[in-house]
Amino acid sequence: MRTYTGVIRGVPELLIILLMYFGGTAFLSMIVGRYIEINAFAAGVTALTIVFGAYAAEIFRGAINAIAPGQREAAKALGLPRWQIWLLIIIPQMIPVALPAFCNLCISLVKDTSLISVVGLTDVMRVAYVGAGSLRTPLPFYLAASAIYLMLTSLCLLSFKLIERRYSIPFWKG
């Protein structure tokens, strides 16, 4: 697990997308014995899933490690089975710790989707690039693309604020 997260977090997302697209095509062609091209969408989704998984694993590992060991020990002393310890003790305490970093990761993922246009997938950035090239006025197209990404990240941020409000750590007087 540490090797996976260390390697994936140390390699740029664009390089992982290119490796999935071109390397995946070469790998499948070698295995099957004839040329098989990987779809740009599939390569992009796979690459971003691998990257997202590596960062999310570290976020949740850190959130789990932030829980005091005495919490687990107390649950074991009460005789709770392992699944109840996770469901009733660890996960409820882990969520408020992990949510801010997970929100940042999701926003970063939305923005990283623009990198998939490099392998030929038609997305917001690809449309902006084609439109800017055909009319020779890049500014309006890239401003429109940035407005779309700003709207998507704002919606993501708003939804996570609502989730964080639901799972915020209560502070009681007493």
N, C-alpha and C. Protein backbone atom coordinates (compact mmCIF):
# COMPACT_ATOMS: atom_id res chain seq x y z
N MET A 1 0.82 -1.19 0.00
CA MET A 1 0.00 0.00 0.00
C MET A 1 0.86 1.25 0.00
N ARG A 2 1.92 1.26 0.80
CA ARG A 2 2.78 2.44 0.85
C ARG A 2 3.50 2.67 -0.47
N THR A 3 3.85 1.56 -1.14
CA THR A 3 4.51 1.69 -2.44
C THR A 3 3.56 2.30 -3.45
N TYR A 4 2.33 1.79 -3.47
CA TYR A 4 1.30 2.31 -4.38
C TYR A 4 1.08 3.81 -4.16
N THR A 5 0.82 4.20 -2.92
CA THR A 5 0.55 5.61 -2.65
C THR A 5 1.78 6.47 -2.89
N GLY A 6 2.95 5.94 -2.55
CA GLY A 6 4.18 6.71 -2.76
C GLY A 6 4.48 6.95 -4.22
N VAL A 7 4.34 5.91 -5.03
CA VAL A 7 4.63 6.04 -6.46
C VAL A 7 3.59 6.92 -7.14
N ILE A 8 2.32 6.65 -6.91
CA ILE A 8 1.26 7.40 -7.59
C ILE A 8 1.27 8.86 -7.18
N ARG A 9 1.49 9.14 -5.91
CA ARG A 9 1.52 10.54 -5.45
C ARG A 9 2.77 11.26 -5.93
N GLY A 10 3.81 10.51 -6.30
CA GLY A 10 5.05 11.12 -6.75
C GLY A 10 5.12 11.35 -8.25
N VAL A 11 4.16 10.81 -9.00
CA VAL A 11 4.15 10.94 -10.46
C VAL A 11 3.03 11.91 -10.85
N PRO A 12 3.29 12.83 -11.77
CA PRO A 12 2.23 13.77 -12.18
C PRO A 12 1.03 13.06 -12.80
N GLU A 13 -0.15 13.63 -12.57
CA GLU A 13 -1.39 13.05 -13.07
C GLU A 13 -1.39 12.93 -14.59
N LEU A 14 -0.85 13.93 -15.27
CA LEU A 14 -0.80 13.90 -16.72
C LEU A 14 0.01 12.71 -17.22
N LEU A 15 1.11 12.43 -16.56
CA LEU A 15 1.94 11.30 -16.96
C LEU A 15 1.19 9.97 -16.75
N ILE A 16 0.43 9.87 -15.67
CA ILE A 16 -0.34 8.65 -15.43
C ILE A 16 -1.42 8.48 -16.49
N ILE A 17 -2.06 9.58 -16.89
CA ILE A 17 -3.06 9.51 -17.96
C ILE A 17 -2.41 9.03 -19.26
N LEU A 18 -1.26 9.59 -19.60
CA LEU A 18 -0.56 9.18 -20.82
C LEU A 18 -0.11 7.73 -20.74
N LEU A 19 0.37 7.30 -19.57
CA LEU A 19 0.77 5.90 -19.42
C LEU A 19 -0.42 4.95 -19.57
N MET A 20 -1.56 5.34 -19.03
CA MET A 20 -2.75 4.50 -19.17
C MET A 20 -3.19 4.42 -20.63
N TYR A 21 -3.15 5.54 -21.32
CA TYR A 21 -3.64 5.58 -22.70
C TYR A 21 -2.68 4.86 -23.65
N PHE A 22 -1.43 5.28 -23.66
CA PHE A 22 -0.48 4.68 -24.60
C PHE A 22 0.08 3.36 -24.08
N GLY A 23 0.40 3.30 -22.80
CA GLY A 23 0.92 2.06 -22.22
C GLY A 23 -0.13 0.97 -22.16
N GLY A 24 -1.37 1.35 -21.88
CA GLY A 24 -2.45 0.37 -21.85
C GLY A 24 -2.71 -0.23 -23.22
N THR A 25 -2.64 0.62 -24.24
CA THR A 25 -2.80 0.13 -25.62
C THR A 25 -1.69 -0.84 -25.96
N ALA A 26 -0.45 -0.48 -25.64
CA ALA A 26 0.69 -1.36 -25.93
C ALA A 26 0.59 -2.66 -25.14
N PHE A 27 0.20 -2.57 -23.88
CA PHE A 27 0.09 -3.75 -23.03
C PHE A 27 -0.98 -4.72 -23.54
N LEU A 28 -2.18 -4.19 -23.84
CA LEU A 28 -3.25 -5.05 -24.35
C LEU A 28 -2.91 -5.63 -25.71
N SER A 29 -2.28 -4.83 -26.57
CA SER A 29 -1.88 -5.33 -27.89
C SER A 29 -0.86 -6.46 -27.75
N MET A 30 0.04 -6.34 -26.80
CA MET A 30 1.05 -7.38 -26.59
C MET A 30 0.40 -8.66 -26.07
N ILE A 31 -0.55 -8.53 -25.17
CA ILE A 31 -1.20 -9.71 -24.59
C ILE A 31 -2.08 -10.42 -25.62
N VAL A 32 -2.89 -9.67 -26.35
CA VAL A 32 -3.84 -10.25 -27.28
C VAL A 32 -3.15 -10.70 -28.57
N GLY A 33 -2.11 -10.00 -28.98
CA GLY A 33 -1.40 -10.34 -30.20
C GLY A 33 -1.83 -9.54 -31.41
N ARG A 34 -2.74 -8.62 -31.23
CA ARG A 34 -3.14 -7.70 -32.30
C ARG A 34 -3.38 -6.33 -31.67
N TYR A 35 -3.44 -5.31 -32.52
CA TYR A 35 -3.56 -3.94 -32.03
C TYR A 35 -4.94 -3.71 -31.42
N ILE A 36 -4.95 -3.27 -30.17
CA ILE A 36 -6.19 -2.89 -29.48
C ILE A 36 -5.95 -1.52 -28.86
N GLU A 37 -6.77 -0.56 -29.27
CA GLU A 37 -6.62 0.80 -28.75
C GLU A 37 -7.56 1.01 -27.58
N ILE A 38 -7.01 1.60 -26.52
CA ILE A 38 -7.82 1.91 -25.34
C ILE A 38 -8.55 3.23 -25.59
N ASN A 39 -9.79 3.25 -25.23
CA ASN A 39 -10.62 4.44 -25.34
C ASN A 39 -10.04 5.54 -24.44
N ALA A 40 -10.02 6.78 -24.95
CA ALA A 40 -9.48 7.90 -24.18
C ALA A 40 -10.26 8.11 -22.89
N PHE A 41 -11.56 7.93 -22.94
CA PHE A 41 -12.39 8.08 -21.74
C PHE A 41 -12.02 7.03 -20.70
N ALA A 42 -11.90 5.78 -21.14
CA ALA A 42 -11.56 4.69 -20.21
C ALA A 42 -10.18 4.90 -19.60
N ALA A 43 -9.22 5.32 -20.43
CA ALA A 43 -7.87 5.57 -19.92
C ALA A 43 -7.87 6.73 -18.92
N GLY A 44 -8.61 7.79 -19.22
CA GLY A 44 -8.67 8.94 -18.33
C GLY A 44 -9.34 8.62 -17.01
N VAL A 45 -10.47 7.91 -17.09
CA VAL A 45 -11.18 7.53 -15.86
C VAL A 45 -10.33 6.60 -15.02
N THR A 46 -9.69 5.62 -15.65
CA THR A 46 -8.84 4.69 -14.91
C THR A 46 -7.67 5.42 -14.25
N ALA A 47 -7.03 6.30 -14.99
CA ALA A 47 -5.88 7.03 -14.45
C ALA A 47 -6.29 7.92 -13.27
N LEU A 48 -7.38 8.67 -13.44
CA LEU A 48 -7.81 9.54 -12.35
C LEU A 48 -8.32 8.74 -11.16
N THR A 49 -8.89 7.57 -11.40
CA THR A 49 -9.32 6.70 -10.30
C THR A 49 -8.11 6.20 -9.51
N ILE A 50 -7.06 5.83 -10.22
CA ILE A 50 -5.84 5.37 -9.55
C ILE A 50 -5.23 6.49 -8.72
N VAL A 51 -5.18 7.69 -9.29
CA VAL A 51 -4.62 8.83 -8.56
C VAL A 51 -5.48 9.19 -7.36
N PHE A 52 -6.80 9.28 -7.60
CA PHE A 52 -7.73 9.62 -6.53
C PHE A 52 -7.65 8.60 -5.40
N GLY A 53 -7.56 7.33 -5.76
CA GLY A 53 -7.47 6.26 -4.76
C GLY A 53 -6.24 6.38 -3.89
N ALA A 54 -5.11 6.75 -4.49
CA ALA A 54 -3.87 6.88 -3.72
C ALA A 54 -3.98 8.02 -2.70
N TYR A 55 -4.47 9.15 -3.15
CA TYR A 55 -4.61 10.29 -2.23
C TYR A 55 -5.68 10.03 -1.18
N ALA A 56 -6.81 9.43 -1.59
CA ALA A 56 -7.88 9.13 -0.63
C ALA A 56 -7.43 8.13 0.42
N ALA A 57 -6.62 7.15 0.01
CA ALA A 57 -6.11 6.17 0.97
C ALA A 57 -5.29 6.85 2.05
N GLU A 58 -4.48 7.81 1.66
CA GLU A 58 -3.67 8.53 2.64
C GLU A 58 -4.53 9.42 3.54
N ILE A 59 -5.55 10.02 2.98
CA ILE A 59 -6.45 10.86 3.79
C ILE A 59 -7.13 10.02 4.86
N PHE A 60 -7.69 8.88 4.45
CA PHE A 60 -8.42 8.05 5.40
C PHE A 60 -7.47 7.34 6.38
N ARG A 61 -6.29 6.99 5.92
CA ARG A 61 -5.31 6.40 6.84
C ARG A 61 -4.95 7.40 7.93
N GLY A 62 -4.72 8.64 7.54
CA GLY A 62 -4.41 9.68 8.52
C GLY A 62 -5.56 9.95 9.47
N ALA A 63 -6.79 9.93 8.94
CA ALA A 63 -7.96 10.17 9.79
C ALA A 63 -8.16 9.03 10.78
N ILE A 64 -7.93 7.80 10.34
CA ILE A 64 -8.05 6.66 11.25
C ILE A 64 -6.97 6.71 12.32
N ASN A 65 -5.76 7.07 11.93
CA ASN A 65 -4.66 7.16 12.90
C ASN A 65 -4.85 8.32 13.89
N ALA A 66 -5.70 9.29 13.53
CA ALA A 66 -5.95 10.43 14.42
C ALA A 66 -6.86 10.06 15.59
N ILE A 67 -7.53 8.93 15.49
CA ILE A 67 -8.42 8.49 16.58
C ILE A 67 -7.56 7.89 17.69
N ALA A 68 -7.84 8.30 18.88
CA ALA A 68 -7.07 7.83 20.03
C ALA A 68 -7.17 6.31 20.16
N PRO A 69 -6.05 5.63 20.40
CA PRO A 69 -6.08 4.17 20.54
C PRO A 69 -6.97 3.69 21.68
N GLY A 70 -7.16 4.54 22.67
CA GLY A 70 -8.01 4.18 23.80
C GLY A 70 -9.46 3.95 23.39
N GLN A 71 -9.88 4.57 22.30
CA GLN A 71 -11.25 4.37 21.81
C GLN A 71 -11.46 2.91 21.39
N ARG A 72 -10.50 2.39 20.63
CA ARG A 72 -10.57 0.99 20.20
C ARG A 72 -10.46 0.05 21.39
N GLU A 73 -9.54 0.36 22.27
CA GLU A 73 -9.32 -0.49 23.44
C GLU A 73 -10.57 -0.54 24.32
N ALA A 74 -11.23 0.59 24.49
CA ALA A 74 -12.45 0.62 25.30
C ALA A 74 -13.55 -0.20 24.63
N ALA A 75 -13.65 -0.10 23.30
CA ALA A 75 -14.67 -0.88 22.59
C ALA A 75 -14.38 -2.38 22.70
N LYS A 76 -13.11 -2.75 22.62
CA LYS A 76 -12.74 -4.16 22.78
C LYS A 76 -13.03 -4.64 24.20
N ALA A 77 -12.78 -3.77 25.16
CA ALA A 77 -13.04 -4.13 26.56
C ALA A 77 -14.53 -4.35 26.81
N LEU A 78 -15.36 -3.63 26.07
CA LEU A 78 -16.81 -3.82 26.19
C LEU A 78 -17.28 -5.08 25.46
N GLY A 79 -16.39 -5.70 24.69
CA GLY A 79 -16.73 -6.93 23.99
C GLY A 79 -17.39 -6.72 22.64
N LEU A 80 -17.23 -5.52 22.08
CA LEU A 80 -17.82 -5.28 20.76
C LEU A 80 -17.06 -6.05 19.68
N PRO A 81 -17.78 -6.63 18.72
CA PRO A 81 -17.07 -7.28 17.61
C PRO A 81 -16.40 -6.23 16.72
N ARG A 82 -15.47 -6.70 15.91
CA ARG A 82 -14.66 -5.79 15.10
C ARG A 82 -15.52 -4.91 14.20
N TRP A 83 -16.56 -5.45 13.57
CA TRP A 83 -17.38 -4.65 12.67
C TRP A 83 -18.13 -3.56 13.41
N GLN A 84 -18.53 -3.82 14.65
CA GLN A 84 -19.21 -2.78 15.43
C GLN A 84 -18.23 -1.71 15.89
N ILE A 85 -17.01 -2.11 16.17
CA ILE A 85 -16.00 -1.12 16.54
C ILE A 85 -15.81 -0.14 15.39
N TRP A 86 -15.72 -0.66 14.18
CA TRP A 86 -15.55 0.21 13.01
C TRP A 86 -16.80 1.04 12.76
N LEU A 87 -17.96 0.41 12.80
CA LEU A 87 -19.20 1.09 12.46
C LEU A 87 -19.63 2.12 13.50
N LEU A 88 -19.42 1.80 14.78
CA LEU A 88 -19.93 2.67 15.84
C LEU A 88 -18.88 3.59 16.46
N ILE A 89 -17.61 3.23 16.37
CA ILE A 89 -16.58 4.00 17.06
C ILE A 89 -15.65 4.72 16.07
N ILE A 90 -15.05 3.98 15.17
CA ILE A 90 -13.99 4.54 14.33
C ILE A 90 -14.55 5.44 13.23
N ILE A 91 -15.48 4.94 12.43
CA ILE A 91 -15.98 5.71 11.29
C ILE A 91 -16.65 7.02 11.72
N PRO A 92 -17.51 7.04 12.74
CA PRO A 92 -18.10 8.33 13.13
C PRO A 92 -17.07 9.37 13.59
N GLN A 93 -15.97 8.92 14.17
CA GLN A 93 -14.95 9.88 14.59
C GLN A 93 -14.00 10.24 13.45
N MET A 94 -13.88 9.35 12.47
CA MET A 94 -12.98 9.56 11.35
C MET A 94 -13.55 10.57 10.35
N ILE A 95 -14.85 10.55 10.14
CA ILE A 95 -15.47 11.37 9.10
C ILE A 95 -15.19 12.86 9.28
N PRO A 96 -15.40 13.46 10.45
CA PRO A 96 -15.12 14.89 10.57
C PRO A 96 -13.65 15.25 10.35
N VAL A 97 -12.76 14.32 10.66
CA VAL A 97 -11.33 14.58 10.47
C VAL A 97 -10.97 14.50 8.99
N ALA A 98 -11.56 13.56 8.26
CA ALA A 98 -11.19 13.32 6.86
C ALA A 98 -11.91 14.25 5.87
N LEU A 99 -13.06 14.78 6.25
CA LEU A 99 -13.87 15.54 5.28
C LEU A 99 -13.18 16.75 4.66
N PRO A 100 -12.50 17.61 5.39
CA PRO A 100 -11.88 18.77 4.73
C PRO A 100 -10.85 18.38 3.66
N ALA A 101 -10.00 17.42 3.97
CA ALA A 101 -9.00 17.00 2.99
C ALA A 101 -9.66 16.26 1.83
N PHE A 102 -10.69 15.48 2.11
CA PHE A 102 -11.40 14.76 1.05
C PHE A 102 -12.11 15.74 0.13
N CYS A 103 -12.65 16.82 0.68
CA CYS A 103 -13.27 17.87 -0.13
C CYS A 103 -12.24 18.49 -1.07
N ASN A 104 -11.07 18.80 -0.55
CA ASN A 104 -10.01 19.35 -1.41
C ASN A 104 -9.63 18.37 -2.50
N LEU A 105 -9.59 17.10 -2.18
CA LEU A 105 -9.25 16.08 -3.16
C LEU A 105 -10.30 16.00 -4.25
N CYS A 106 -11.57 16.08 -3.88
CA CYS A 106 -12.63 16.03 -4.88
C CYS A 106 -12.59 17.25 -5.80
N ILE A 107 -12.32 18.40 -5.26
CA ILE A 107 -12.19 19.60 -6.08
C ILE A 107 -11.00 19.47 -7.01
N SER A 108 -9.91 18.93 -6.52
CA SER A 108 -8.74 18.71 -7.36
C SER A 108 -9.06 17.70 -8.47
N LEU A 109 -9.85 16.69 -8.17
CA LEU A 109 -10.23 15.71 -9.18
C LEU A 109 -11.05 16.35 -10.29
N VAL A 110 -11.98 17.22 -9.92
CA VAL A 110 -12.78 17.92 -10.93
C VAL A 110 -11.87 18.72 -11.85
N LYS A 111 -10.90 19.40 -11.28
CA LYS A 111 -9.99 20.20 -12.10
C LYS A 111 -9.04 19.32 -12.93
N ASP A 112 -8.68 18.16 -12.40
CA ASP A 112 -7.78 17.27 -13.13
C ASP A 112 -8.44 16.64 -14.34
N THR A 113 -9.76 16.68 -14.42
CA THR A 113 -10.43 16.13 -15.61
C THR A 113 -10.03 16.90 -16.87
N SER A 114 -9.58 18.13 -16.71
CA SER A 114 -9.15 18.90 -17.88
C SER A 114 -7.91 18.27 -18.53
N LEU A 115 -7.15 17.49 -17.79
CA LEU A 115 -5.95 16.87 -18.33
C LEU A 115 -6.28 15.77 -19.33
N ILE A 116 -7.48 15.21 -19.26
CA ILE A 116 -7.84 14.10 -20.15
C ILE A 116 -7.93 14.58 -21.60
N SER A 117 -8.14 15.87 -21.81
CA SER A 117 -8.22 16.39 -23.18
C SER A 117 -6.93 16.16 -23.95
N VAL A 118 -5.82 15.94 -23.25
CA VAL A 118 -4.53 15.72 -23.90
C VAL A 118 -4.55 14.44 -24.74
N VAL A 119 -5.30 13.42 -24.30
CA VAL A 119 -5.35 12.16 -25.05
C VAL A 119 -6.50 12.14 -26.05
N GLY A 120 -7.12 13.27 -26.29
CA GLY A 120 -8.11 13.38 -27.36
C GLY A 120 -9.55 13.29 -26.94
N LEU A 121 -9.82 13.20 -25.67
CA LEU A 121 -11.21 13.13 -25.23
C LEU A 121 -11.83 14.53 -25.34
N THR A 122 -13.02 14.59 -25.87
CA THR A 122 -13.70 15.88 -26.00
C THR A 122 -14.34 16.23 -24.68
N ASP A 123 -13.77 17.20 -24.01
CA ASP A 123 -14.31 17.71 -22.76
C ASP A 123 -14.33 19.23 -22.85
N VAL A 124 -14.53 19.87 -21.74
CA VAL A 124 -14.63 21.33 -21.73
C VAL A 124 -13.36 21.98 -22.28
N MET A 125 -12.22 21.49 -21.87
CA MET A 125 -10.96 22.09 -22.32
C MET A 125 -10.72 21.82 -23.81
N ARG A 126 -11.10 20.66 -24.28
CA ARG A 126 -10.92 20.34 -25.70
C ARG A 126 -11.79 21.23 -26.57
N VAL A 127 -13.03 21.45 -26.14
CA VAL A 127 -13.93 22.33 -26.88
C VAL A 127 -13.38 23.76 -26.89
N ALA A 128 -12.87 24.20 -25.74
CA ALA A 128 -12.28 25.54 -25.67
C ALA A 128 -11.06 25.65 -26.59
N TYR A 129 -10.26 24.61 -26.63
CA TYR A 129 -9.06 24.61 -27.49
C TYR A 129 -9.44 24.66 -28.97
N VAL A 130 -10.41 23.86 -29.37
CA VAL A 130 -10.84 23.84 -30.77
C VAL A 130 -11.50 25.16 -31.14
N GLY A 131 -12.36 25.67 -30.26
CA GLY A 131 -13.01 26.95 -30.52
C GLY A 131 -12.03 28.10 -30.60
N ALA A 132 -11.05 28.11 -29.72
CA ALA A 132 -10.04 29.17 -29.72
C ALA A 132 -9.20 29.10 -30.98
N GLY A 133 -8.89 27.90 -31.44
CA GLY A 133 -8.09 27.74 -32.65
C GLY A 133 -8.85 28.10 -33.92
N SER A 134 -10.13 27.79 -33.96
CA SER A 134 -10.90 28.05 -35.18
C SER A 134 -11.24 29.53 -35.35
N LEU A 135 -11.52 30.22 -34.29
CA LEU A 135 -11.87 31.64 -34.39
C LEU A 135 -10.70 32.58 -34.08
N ARG A 136 -9.60 32.02 -33.67
CA ARG A 136 -8.38 32.77 -33.35
C ARG A 136 -8.62 33.81 -32.24
N THR A 137 -9.55 33.49 -31.36
CA THR A 137 -9.79 34.33 -30.18
C THR A 137 -9.86 33.42 -28.96
N PRO A 138 -8.72 33.12 -28.38
CA PRO A 138 -8.71 32.15 -27.29
C PRO A 138 -9.34 32.65 -25.98
N LEU A 139 -9.26 33.94 -25.72
CA LEU A 139 -9.70 34.45 -24.42
C LEU A 139 -11.15 34.12 -24.09
N PRO A 140 -12.12 34.37 -24.96
CA PRO A 140 -13.51 34.06 -24.58
C PRO A 140 -13.75 32.57 -24.31
N PHE A 141 -13.10 31.73 -25.09
CA PHE A 141 -13.30 30.29 -24.92
C PHE A 141 -12.69 29.80 -23.61
N TYR A 142 -11.49 30.26 -23.31
CA TYR A 142 -10.86 29.82 -22.07
C TYR A 142 -11.52 30.46 -20.84
N LEU A 143 -12.05 31.65 -20.98
CA LEU A 143 -12.82 32.25 -19.88
C LEU A 143 -14.11 31.46 -19.63
N ALA A 144 -14.76 31.01 -20.71
CA ALA A 144 -15.97 30.19 -20.56
C ALA A 144 -15.63 28.86 -19.89
N ALA A 145 -14.52 28.26 -20.32
CA ALA A 145 -14.10 26.98 -19.71
C ALA A 145 -13.78 27.18 -18.23
N SER A 146 -13.10 28.28 -17.90
CA SER A 146 -12.79 28.52 -16.49
C SER A 146 -14.05 28.79 -15.69
N ALA A 147 -15.06 29.44 -16.29
CA ALA A 147 -16.32 29.68 -15.59
C ALA A 147 -17.04 28.35 -15.32
N ILE A 148 -16.98 27.43 -16.27
CA ILE A 148 -17.61 26.11 -16.07
C ILE A 148 -16.91 25.36 -14.94
N TYR A 149 -15.57 25.37 -14.95
CA TYR A 149 -14.84 24.68 -13.88
C TYR A 149 -15.07 25.36 -12.53
N LEU A 150 -15.16 26.68 -12.52
CA LEU A 150 -15.45 27.39 -11.28
C LEU A 150 -16.83 27.01 -10.74
N MET A 151 -17.80 26.88 -11.65
CA MET A 151 -19.14 26.49 -11.23
C MET A 151 -19.13 25.06 -10.66
N LEU A 152 -18.44 24.16 -11.33
CA LEU A 152 -18.39 22.77 -10.85
C LEU A 152 -17.69 22.66 -9.50
N THR A 153 -16.58 23.36 -9.34
CA THR A 153 -15.88 23.30 -8.05
C THR A 153 -16.67 24.00 -6.95
N SER A 154 -17.41 25.05 -7.30
CA SER A 154 -18.25 25.72 -6.30
C SER A 154 -19.38 24.82 -5.84
N LEU A 155 -19.98 24.08 -6.77
CA LEU A 155 -21.02 23.12 -6.39
C LEU A 155 -20.45 22.01 -5.51
N CYS A 156 -19.26 21.57 -5.84
CA CYS A 156 -18.60 20.54 -5.03
C CYS A 156 -18.33 21.09 -3.62
N LEU A 157 -17.82 22.30 -3.54
CA LEU A 157 -17.52 22.92 -2.25
C LEU A 157 -18.79 23.13 -1.42
N LEU A 158 -19.86 23.57 -2.06
CA LEU A 158 -21.13 23.77 -1.36
C LEU A 158 -21.67 22.45 -0.82
N SER A 159 -21.62 21.41 -1.63
CA SER A 159 -22.13 20.12 -1.16
C SER A 159 -21.30 19.60 0.01
N PHE A 160 -19.99 19.79 -0.03
CA PHE A 160 -19.16 19.34 1.08
C PHE A 160 -19.37 20.19 2.32
N LYS A 161 -19.68 21.48 2.16
CA LYS A 161 -19.99 22.30 3.33
C LYS A 161 -21.24 21.78 4.03
N LEU A 162 -22.23 21.37 3.24
CA LEU A 162 -23.44 20.80 3.83
C LEU A 162 -23.14 19.48 4.53
N ILE A 163 -22.31 18.66 3.93
CA ILE A 163 -21.93 17.39 4.55
C ILE A 163 -21.13 17.64 5.82
N GLU A 164 -20.20 18.60 5.77
CA GLU A 164 -19.40 18.92 6.95
C GLU A 164 -20.27 19.45 8.08
N ARG A 165 -21.28 20.22 7.74
CA ARG A 165 -22.19 20.72 8.77
C ARG A 165 -22.91 19.55 9.45
N ARG A 166 -23.25 18.54 8.67
CA ARG A 166 -23.94 17.37 9.21
C ARG A 166 -23.03 16.55 10.12
N TYR A 167 -21.76 16.45 9.75
CA TYR A 167 -20.82 15.61 10.50
C TYR A 167 -19.83 16.40 11.35
N SER A 168 -20.14 17.66 11.62
CA SER A 168 -19.20 18.44 12.42
C SER A 168 -19.08 17.88 13.83
N ILE A 169 -17.93 18.08 14.41
CA ILE A 169 -17.68 17.59 15.76
C ILE A 169 -18.42 18.48 16.75
N PRO A 170 -19.33 17.90 17.53
CA PRO A 170 -20.07 18.73 18.49
C PRO A 170 -19.21 19.10 19.69
N PHE A 171 -19.37 20.31 20.12
CA PHE A 171 -18.68 20.76 21.33
C PHE A 171 -19.74 21.15 22.35
N TRP A 172 -19.88 20.31 23.36
CA TRP A 172 -20.88 20.54 24.38
C TRP A 172 -20.29 21.36 25.52
N LYS A 173 -21.15 22.15 26.12
CA LYS A 173 -20.73 22.88 27.31
C LYS A 173 -20.76 21.91 28.48
N GLY A 174 -19.84 22.07 29.33
CA GLY A 174 -19.94 21.22 30.48
C GLY A 174 -18.66 21.09 31.12
